Structure formats: structure tokens, C-alpha cells
Amino acid sequence: MFKKSKRATSAQTRPAPIEENAHQDLAAGEADLRYDEPESDPDLVGCAEDTARYIADMVGALAAMAGEARLDLLTYLLNMARVEAELQSRQSEDADSADD
């Protein structure tokens, strides 16, 4: 069932640890990629409904790819994620129409 994999690299062949300054530089570079902070430009912010629809479309495409490759469990899980995204999209849509 499981294939034997290559041995883990020994401590002698592992790359040297990254310097502490490199971590800070990396963190500073990734600060622009953060999505947990609100966008300052309101035109760039999508509504929850649009985001959920996009996720449903993307996960649906991934599920189709997994199905073609006969990855049954992965196909099932991706389809469950697609259904959940569609439900979230509908709930956001219903909440928006109730607010009007």
C-alpha cells in the first residue's frame, strides 16, 4: 500500500540554518501578501457572495480534475467543499436581500 521513500537527509547534508535577519526580511516581504487585514481600497474588496461563488467554481474544477484521475476520496472531499461554498454563497445572498 505504501511505497518506500528515500531516506531523510542527514544533518551533514542539510542546508545551513537561515540567519535571523533573513526571517525578518522574509516577514517584511510577505507583509504585502497578508489577507487577514482589511483592504484599504474599497474597489478591491469583494463581497462574501462573490468570494464564495469563486471558491465554488475553482473547487469544482479541481474536483473534476481529481475525478478524471480517479482520485475518489479527493473528488468527494472537493465536491463537499464546493457544496459548502455554494451554500455560503446562497446564505450571503439571502442575508443581503434581507438587509434591503
C-alpha atoms as a PDB file:
ATOM      1  CA  MET A   1       0.000   0.000   0.000  1.00  0.00           C
ATOM      2  CA  PHE A   2       2.752   2.446   0.922  1.00  0.00           C
ATOM      3  CA  LYS A   3       5.841   2.868  -1.173  1.00  0.00           C
ATOM      4  CA  LYS A   4       9.220   3.102   0.399  1.00  0.00           C
ATOM      5  CA  SER A   5      10.536   6.618   0.167  1.00  0.00           C
ATOM      6  CA  LYS A   6      14.030   7.984   0.068  1.00  0.00           C
ATOM      7  CA  ARG A   7      15.824   8.341   3.336  1.00  0.00           C
ATOM      8  CA  ALA A   8      15.681  11.649   5.094  1.00  0.00           C
ATOM      9  CA  THR A   9      18.695  13.849   4.567  1.00  0.00           C
ATOM     10  CA  SER A  10      21.259  13.649   7.296  1.00  0.00           C
ATOM     11  CA  ALA A  11      22.309  16.621   9.355  1.00  0.00           C
ATOM     12  CA  GLN A  12      25.535  16.793   7.365  1.00  0.00           C
ATOM     13  CA  THR A  13      23.761  17.225   4.033  1.00  0.00           C
ATOM     14  CA  ARG A  14      21.062  19.590   5.247  1.00  0.00           C
ATOM     15  CA  PRO A  15      21.402  23.242   4.291  1.00  0.00           C
ATOM     16  CA  ALA A  16      22.673  25.632   6.904  1.00  0.00           C
ATOM     17  CA  PRO A  17      20.006  27.347   9.015  1.00  0.00           C
ATOM     18  CA  ILE A  18      18.718  30.680   7.787  1.00  0.00           C
ATOM     19  CA  GLU A  19      20.080  33.711   9.558  1.00  0.00           C
ATOM     20  CA  GLU A  20      17.740  35.600  11.869  1.00  0.00           C
ATOM     21  CA  ASN A  21      17.841  38.692   9.650  1.00  0.00           C
ATOM     22  CA  ALA A  22      16.655  36.606   6.725  1.00  0.00           C
ATOM     23  CA  HIS A  23      13.492  35.707   8.649  1.00  0.00           C
ATOM     24  CA  GLN A  24      12.791  39.369   9.290  1.00  0.00           C
ATOM     25  CA  ASP A  25      13.382  40.223   5.633  1.00  0.00           C
ATOM     26  CA  LEU A  26      11.064  37.423   4.574  1.00  0.00           C
ATOM     27  CA  ALA A  27       8.359  38.559   7.001  1.00  0.00           C
ATOM     28  CA  ALA A  28       8.627  42.126   5.727  1.00  0.00           C
ATOM     29  CA  GLY A  29       8.337  40.914   2.135  1.00  0.00           C
ATOM     30  CA  GLU A  30       5.273  38.827   2.929  1.00  0.00           C
ATOM     31  CA  ALA A  31       3.513  41.685   4.709  1.00  0.00           C
ATOM     32  CA  ASP A  32       2.110  42.838   1.360  1.00  0.00           C
ATOM     33  CA  LEU A  33       0.578  39.396   0.792  1.00  0.00           C
ATOM     34  CA  ARG A  34      -1.460  39.298   4.003  1.00  0.00           C
ATOM     35  CA  TYR A  35      -5.175  38.818   3.567  1.00  0.00           C
ATOM     36  CA  ASP A  36      -6.265  38.910   7.186  1.00  0.00           C
ATOM     37  CA  GLU A  37      -6.111  42.692   7.285  1.00  0.00           C
ATOM     38  CA  PRO A  38      -8.813  44.813   5.645  1.00  0.00           C
ATOM     39  CA  GLU A  39      -8.053  46.226   2.229  1.00  0.00           C
ATOM     40  CA  SER A  40      -7.581  49.952   2.104  1.00  0.00           C
ATOM     41  CA  ASP A  41      -9.057  50.204  -1.405  1.00  0.00           C
ATOM     42  CA  PRO A  42     -12.830  49.502  -1.318  1.00  0.00           C
ATOM     43  CA  ASP A  43     -12.825  48.600  -5.027  1.00  0.00           C
ATOM     44  CA  LEU A  44     -10.549  45.626  -4.313  1.00  0.00           C
ATOM     45  CA  VAL A  45     -12.751  44.158  -1.616  1.00  0.00           C
ATOM     46  CA  GLY A  46     -15.200  41.538  -2.895  1.00  0.00           C
ATOM     47  CA  CYS A  47     -18.375  40.627  -1.130  1.00  0.00           C
ATOM     48  CA  ALA A  48     -18.717  37.281   0.619  1.00  0.00           C
ATOM     49  CA  GLU A  49     -21.180  36.057  -2.003  1.00  0.00           C
ATOM     50  CA  ASP A  50     -18.763  36.685  -4.889  1.00  0.00           C
ATOM     51  CA  THR A  51     -15.885  35.113  -2.995  1.00  0.00           C
ATOM     52  CA  ALA A  52     -17.914  32.003  -2.168  1.00  0.00           C
ATOM     53  CA  ARG A  53     -19.033  31.665  -5.802  1.00  0.00           C
ATOM     54  CA  TYR A  54     -15.427  31.952  -6.992  1.00  0.00           C
ATOM     55  CA  ILE A  55     -14.293  29.324  -4.491  1.00  0.00           C
ATOM     56  CA  ALA A  56     -17.132  27.023  -5.586  1.00  0.00           C
ATOM     57  CA  ASP A  57     -16.074  27.386  -9.224  1.00  0.00           C
ATOM     58  CA  MET A  58     -12.399  26.748  -8.501  1.00  0.00           C
ATOM     59  CA  VAL A  59     -13.037  23.789  -6.211  1.00  0.00           C
ATOM     60  CA  GLY A  60     -15.456  22.367  -8.772  1.00  0.00           C
ATOM     61  CA  ALA A  61     -12.721  22.473 -11.400  1.00  0.00           C
ATOM     62  CA  LEU A  62     -10.316  20.756  -9.010  1.00  0.00           C
ATOM     63  CA  ALA A  63     -12.934  18.101  -8.251  1.00  0.00           C
ATOM     64  CA  ALA A  64     -13.326  17.447 -11.973  1.00  0.00           C
ATOM     65  CA  MET A  65      -9.561  17.043 -12.329  1.00  0.00           C
ATOM     66  CA  ALA A  66      -9.454  14.665  -9.373  1.00  0.00           C
ATOM     67  CA  GLY A  67     -12.348  12.678 -10.838  1.00  0.00           C
ATOM     68  CA  GLU A  68     -10.584  12.281 -14.179  1.00  0.00           C
ATOM     69  CA  ALA A  69      -7.525  10.994 -12.324  1.00  0.00           C
ATOM     70  CA  ARG A  70      -9.740   8.535 -10.391  1.00  0.00           C
ATOM     71  CA  LEU A  71      -8.850  10.050  -7.037  1.00  0.00           C
ATOM     72  CA  ASP A  72     -12.167   9.121  -5.486  1.00  0.00           C
ATOM     73  CA  LEU A  73     -11.689  10.335  -1.922  1.00  0.00           C
ATOM     74  CA  LEU A  74     -10.172  13.609  -3.070  1.00  0.00           C
ATOM     75  CA  THR A  75     -13.019  14.076  -5.553  1.00  0.00           C
ATOM     76  CA  TYR A  76     -15.543  13.511  -2.776  1.00  0.00           C
ATOM     77  CA  LEU A  77     -13.862  15.965  -0.409  1.00  0.00           C
ATOM     78  CA  LEU A  78     -13.527  18.637  -3.087  1.00  0.00           C
ATOM     79  CA  ASN A  79     -17.184  18.240  -4.025  1.00  0.00           C
ATOM     80  CA  MET A  80     -18.126  18.633  -0.367  1.00  0.00           C
ATOM     81  CA  ALA A  81     -16.102  21.865  -0.279  1.00  0.00           C
ATOM     82  CA  ARG A  82     -17.844  23.021  -3.473  1.00  0.00           C
ATOM     83  CA  VAL A  83     -21.286  22.353  -1.999  1.00  0.00           C
ATOM     84  CA  GLU A  84     -20.345  24.213   1.187  1.00  0.00           C
ATOM     85  CA  ALA A  85     -19.115  27.208  -0.826  1.00  0.00           C
ATOM     86  CA  GLU A  86     -22.367  27.230  -2.800  1.00  0.00           C
ATOM     87  CA  LEU A  87     -24.367  27.160   0.445  1.00  0.00           C
ATOM     88  CA  GLN A  88     -22.299  30.021   1.850  1.00  0.00           C
ATOM     89  CA  SER A  89     -22.896  31.972  -1.351  1.00  0.00           C
ATOM     90  CA  ARG A  90     -26.651  31.490  -1.072  1.00  0.00           C
ATOM     91  CA  GLN A  91     -26.670  32.430   2.602  1.00  0.00           C
ATOM     92  CA  SER A  92     -24.741  35.620   1.833  1.00  0.00           C
ATOM     93  CA  GLU A  93     -27.175  36.367  -0.986  1.00  0.00           C
ATOM     94  CA  ASP A  94     -30.176  35.813   1.309  1.00  0.00           C
ATOM     95  CA  ALA A  95     -28.664  37.983   4.044  1.00  0.00           C
ATOM     96  CA  ASP A  96     -28.023  40.791   1.545  1.00  0.00           C
ATOM     97  CA  SER A  97     -31.593  40.671   0.231  1.00  0.00           C
ATOM     98  CA  ALA A  98     -32.991  40.657   3.794  1.00  0.00           C
ATOM     99  CA  ASP A  99     -30.994  43.807   4.593  1.00  0.00           C
ATOM    100  CA  ASP A 100     -32.611  45.652   1.669  1.00  0.00           C
END
